N, C-alpha and C. Protein backbone atom coordinates (compact mmCIF):
# COMPACT_ATOMS: atom_id res chain seq x y z
N UNK A 1 -33.37 51.05 -60.95
CA UNK A 1 -32.90 52.39 -60.46
C UNK A 1 -31.46 52.33 -60.78
N UNK A 2 -30.89 53.51 -61.30
CA UNK A 2 -29.36 53.54 -61.47
C UNK A 2 -28.63 53.72 -60.20
N UNK A 3 -27.35 53.15 -60.11
CA UNK A 3 -26.68 53.15 -58.88
C UNK A 3 -25.61 54.18 -59.14
N UNK A 4 -25.05 54.72 -57.97
CA UNK A 4 -24.00 55.79 -58.10
C UNK A 4 -22.85 55.33 -58.63
N UNK A 5 -22.53 54.05 -58.31
CA UNK A 5 -21.22 53.42 -59.00
C UNK A 5 -21.68 51.96 -59.55
N UNK A 6 -21.25 51.71 -60.80
CA UNK A 6 -21.45 50.37 -61.20
C UNK A 6 -20.70 49.30 -60.53
N UNK A 7 -21.05 48.07 -60.36
CA UNK A 7 -20.32 46.93 -60.09
C UNK A 7 -19.93 46.11 -61.20
N UNK A 8 -18.58 45.82 -61.39
CA UNK A 8 -18.06 44.99 -62.43
C UNK A 8 -17.90 43.72 -61.66
N UNK A 9 -18.53 42.73 -62.11
CA UNK A 9 -18.58 41.32 -61.53
C UNK A 9 -18.06 40.43 -62.50
N UNK A 10 -17.13 39.50 -62.12
CA UNK A 10 -16.49 38.47 -63.13
C UNK A 10 -17.47 37.27 -63.24
N UNK A 11 -18.48 37.41 -64.06
CA UNK A 11 -19.61 36.53 -64.08
C UNK A 11 -19.49 35.44 -65.03
N UNK A 12 -18.77 35.66 -66.11
CA UNK A 12 -18.70 34.69 -67.17
C UNK A 12 -17.41 33.98 -67.38
N UNK A 13 -16.53 33.91 -66.49
CA UNK A 13 -15.31 33.30 -66.54
C UNK A 13 -14.17 34.22 -66.13
N UNK A 14 -12.91 33.67 -66.12
CA UNK A 14 -11.53 34.42 -65.71
C UNK A 14 -11.63 35.56 -66.73
N UNK A 15 -11.51 36.80 -66.17
CA UNK A 15 -11.33 37.97 -66.98
C UNK A 15 -12.51 38.52 -67.74
N UNK A 16 -13.53 37.97 -67.61
CA UNK A 16 -14.94 38.21 -68.29
C UNK A 16 -15.86 38.94 -67.34
N UNK A 17 -15.73 40.30 -67.21
CA UNK A 17 -16.67 40.96 -66.45
C UNK A 17 -17.81 41.56 -67.12
N UNK A 18 -18.79 41.66 -66.27
CA UNK A 18 -20.10 42.23 -66.64
C UNK A 18 -20.25 43.54 -65.82
N UNK A 19 -20.49 44.71 -66.48
CA UNK A 19 -20.66 45.94 -65.92
C UNK A 19 -22.16 45.95 -65.39
N UNK A 20 -22.45 46.19 -64.31
CA UNK A 20 -23.76 46.13 -63.57
C UNK A 20 -24.07 47.66 -63.16
N UNK A 21 -24.78 48.43 -63.89
CA UNK A 21 -24.97 49.79 -63.55
C UNK A 21 -26.07 50.22 -62.80
N UNK A 22 -27.17 49.27 -62.71
CA UNK A 22 -28.34 49.47 -62.21
C UNK A 22 -29.10 48.32 -61.77
N UNK A 23 -30.30 48.59 -61.04
CA UNK A 23 -31.06 47.33 -60.41
C UNK A 23 -31.67 46.40 -61.40
N UNK A 24 -32.05 46.98 -62.67
CA UNK A 24 -32.74 46.17 -63.65
C UNK A 24 -31.65 45.10 -64.14
N UNK A 25 -30.31 45.60 -64.48
CA UNK A 25 -29.28 44.71 -65.03
C UNK A 25 -29.01 43.73 -63.94
N UNK A 26 -28.82 44.06 -62.58
CA UNK A 26 -28.51 43.24 -61.55
C UNK A 26 -29.57 42.21 -61.40
N UNK A 27 -30.90 42.54 -61.60
CA UNK A 27 -32.04 41.34 -61.57
C UNK A 27 -31.67 40.55 -62.68
N UNK A 28 -31.49 41.03 -63.89
CA UNK A 28 -31.22 39.88 -65.03
C UNK A 28 -30.16 39.05 -64.75
N UNK A 29 -28.90 39.76 -64.22
CA UNK A 29 -27.76 38.83 -63.97
C UNK A 29 -28.19 37.84 -62.77
N UNK A 30 -29.11 38.07 -61.92
CA UNK A 30 -29.27 37.22 -60.91
C UNK A 30 -30.16 36.09 -61.32
N UNK A 31 -31.15 36.28 -62.02
CA UNK A 31 -32.06 35.53 -62.84
C UNK A 31 -31.40 34.69 -63.80
N UNK A 32 -30.79 35.38 -64.70
CA UNK A 32 -30.40 34.38 -65.94
C UNK A 32 -28.85 34.16 -65.97
N UNK A 33 -28.19 34.51 -65.11
CA UNK A 33 -26.58 34.31 -65.32
C UNK A 33 -25.91 33.78 -63.94
N UNK A 34 -26.66 33.88 -62.95
CA UNK A 34 -26.01 33.48 -61.77
C UNK A 34 -25.55 32.01 -61.60
N UNK A 35 -24.33 31.72 -60.97
CA UNK A 35 -23.86 30.31 -60.88
C UNK A 35 -25.14 29.60 -60.19
N UNK A 36 -25.64 28.50 -60.78
CA UNK A 36 -26.66 27.74 -59.93
C UNK A 36 -26.29 27.08 -58.74
N UNK A 37 -24.96 26.92 -58.44
CA UNK A 37 -24.66 26.49 -57.07
C UNK A 37 -24.50 27.60 -56.01
N UNK A 38 -24.87 28.75 -56.29
CA UNK A 38 -24.68 29.97 -55.51
C UNK A 38 -26.08 30.72 -55.22
N UNK A 39 -27.05 29.91 -55.07
CA UNK A 39 -28.48 30.48 -54.82
C UNK A 39 -28.72 30.49 -53.41
N UNK A 40 -27.77 30.84 -52.48
CA UNK A 40 -27.93 30.80 -51.04
C UNK A 40 -28.76 31.90 -50.43
N UNK A 41 -28.54 32.13 -49.05
CA UNK A 41 -29.43 33.35 -48.53
C UNK A 41 -28.98 34.61 -49.16
N UNK A 42 -27.71 34.93 -49.59
CA UNK A 42 -27.34 36.13 -49.99
C UNK A 42 -27.82 36.45 -51.44
N UNK A 43 -27.96 35.33 -52.21
CA UNK A 43 -28.64 35.58 -53.63
C UNK A 43 -30.11 35.95 -53.37
N UNK A 44 -30.62 35.00 -52.46
CA UNK A 44 -32.16 35.49 -52.25
C UNK A 44 -32.37 36.79 -51.76
N UNK A 45 -31.48 37.33 -50.79
CA UNK A 45 -31.58 38.77 -50.21
C UNK A 45 -31.38 39.58 -51.37
N UNK A 46 -30.43 39.40 -52.25
CA UNK A 46 -30.16 40.42 -53.35
C UNK A 46 -31.32 40.53 -54.38
N UNK A 47 -31.76 39.30 -54.73
CA UNK A 47 -33.02 39.13 -55.62
C UNK A 47 -34.20 39.94 -55.08
N UNK A 48 -34.53 39.79 -53.78
CA UNK A 48 -35.67 40.48 -53.12
C UNK A 48 -35.26 41.98 -52.97
N UNK A 49 -34.11 42.42 -52.91
CA UNK A 49 -33.85 43.77 -52.83
C UNK A 49 -34.02 44.43 -54.09
N UNK A 50 -33.51 43.56 -55.16
CA UNK A 50 -33.72 44.39 -56.49
C UNK A 50 -35.04 44.43 -56.88
N UNK A 51 -35.88 43.28 -56.67
CA UNK A 51 -37.28 43.38 -56.99
C UNK A 51 -38.01 44.64 -56.17
N UNK A 52 -37.65 44.68 -54.79
CA UNK A 52 -38.21 45.79 -54.13
C UNK A 52 -37.94 47.27 -54.90
N UNK A 53 -36.54 47.35 -55.20
CA UNK A 53 -36.21 48.65 -55.77
C UNK A 53 -37.09 48.97 -56.96
N UNK A 54 -37.31 47.90 -57.84
CA UNK A 54 -37.99 48.07 -59.09
C UNK A 54 -39.45 48.43 -58.76
N UNK A 55 -39.92 47.94 -57.63
CA UNK A 55 -41.36 48.45 -57.15
C UNK A 55 -41.43 49.85 -56.53
N UNK A 56 -40.19 50.42 -56.48
CA UNK A 56 -40.14 51.65 -55.62
C UNK A 56 -39.89 51.73 -54.26
N UNK A 57 -39.80 50.62 -53.52
CA UNK A 57 -39.66 50.35 -52.20
C UNK A 57 -38.28 50.67 -51.73
N UNK A 58 -37.96 51.29 -50.56
CA UNK A 58 -36.71 51.43 -50.07
C UNK A 58 -36.00 50.14 -49.86
N UNK A 59 -34.65 50.14 -50.12
CA UNK A 59 -33.79 48.85 -50.23
C UNK A 59 -32.31 49.20 -50.30
N UNK A 60 -31.51 48.14 -50.57
CA UNK A 60 -30.19 48.23 -50.55
C UNK A 60 -29.83 47.21 -51.67
N UNK A 61 -30.30 47.48 -52.82
CA UNK A 61 -30.09 46.58 -53.99
C UNK A 61 -28.57 46.44 -54.33
N UNK A 62 -27.88 47.45 -54.59
CA UNK A 62 -26.47 47.33 -54.82
C UNK A 62 -25.71 46.65 -53.75
N UNK A 63 -25.85 47.07 -52.47
CA UNK A 63 -25.18 46.35 -51.32
C UNK A 63 -25.45 45.07 -51.44
N UNK A 64 -26.66 44.43 -51.34
CA UNK A 64 -27.13 43.06 -51.36
C UNK A 64 -26.40 42.31 -52.76
N UNK A 65 -26.38 43.12 -53.79
CA UNK A 65 -25.96 42.44 -55.10
C UNK A 65 -24.19 42.04 -54.87
N UNK A 66 -23.67 43.10 -54.20
CA UNK A 66 -22.09 42.89 -54.06
C UNK A 66 -21.99 41.75 -53.02
N UNK A 67 -22.80 41.87 -52.10
CA UNK A 67 -22.57 40.82 -50.95
C UNK A 67 -22.92 39.39 -51.50
N UNK A 68 -23.94 39.14 -52.47
CA UNK A 68 -24.22 37.90 -53.02
C UNK A 68 -23.10 37.54 -53.75
N UNK A 69 -22.42 38.35 -54.72
CA UNK A 69 -21.47 38.10 -55.59
C UNK A 69 -20.18 37.54 -54.85
N UNK A 70 -19.97 38.18 -53.72
CA UNK A 70 -18.71 37.75 -52.79
C UNK A 70 -19.19 36.37 -52.21
N UNK A 71 -20.37 36.05 -51.77
CA UNK A 71 -20.66 34.84 -51.32
C UNK A 71 -20.69 33.75 -52.27
N UNK A 72 -20.77 34.03 -53.75
CA UNK A 72 -20.86 33.23 -54.77
C UNK A 72 -19.39 32.97 -54.96
N UNK A 73 -18.47 33.78 -54.62
CA UNK A 73 -17.07 33.62 -54.79
C UNK A 73 -16.65 34.13 -56.24
N UNK A 74 -17.58 35.16 -56.57
CA UNK A 74 -17.25 35.94 -57.88
C UNK A 74 -16.30 37.05 -57.52
N UNK A 75 -15.50 37.38 -58.38
CA UNK A 75 -14.62 38.53 -58.38
C UNK A 75 -15.43 39.73 -58.76
N UNK A 76 -15.07 40.79 -57.95
CA UNK A 76 -15.64 42.09 -58.15
C UNK A 76 -14.30 43.08 -58.43
N UNK A 77 -14.30 43.54 -59.58
CA UNK A 77 -13.09 44.51 -60.02
C UNK A 77 -13.18 45.65 -59.20
N UNK A 78 -11.91 46.05 -58.60
CA UNK A 78 -12.06 47.30 -57.83
C UNK A 78 -12.67 48.56 -58.66
N UNK A 79 -13.21 49.31 -58.07
CA UNK A 79 -13.87 50.51 -58.50
C UNK A 79 -13.03 51.28 -59.26
N UNK A 80 -13.51 51.35 -60.58
CA UNK A 80 -12.78 52.24 -61.57
C UNK A 80 -13.68 53.31 -62.08
N UNK A 81 -14.69 53.59 -61.48
CA UNK A 81 -15.60 54.76 -61.85
C UNK A 81 -15.65 55.87 -61.01
N UNK A 82 -14.56 56.17 -60.29
CA UNK A 82 -14.24 57.37 -59.52
C UNK A 82 -13.91 58.49 -60.48
C-alpha cells in the first residue's frame, strides 16, 4: 500500500538513501537489504506489519518501518515530501 509520505532511509552507506514510498518497497528492503546485525524485535515487528498490510489487514507498516530503521541506527532524512 502507498504511504502518505515516503521514508528516506540511509540504507546503503553514508549519504546513500533509499526512498521507501510504500509497503512493498519496505518489505523488499527489510528482506533483502537490512543490516544483518539489526534483526531485532523492531525489525520483526516491521516485517510482520508490512506482510499484514500486503494481505489487507489493518497495520502500522510505515511507523514500524521507521522504528526498525531507528533501532538499527540507520539515518532517516528529514521529511522533504511536504
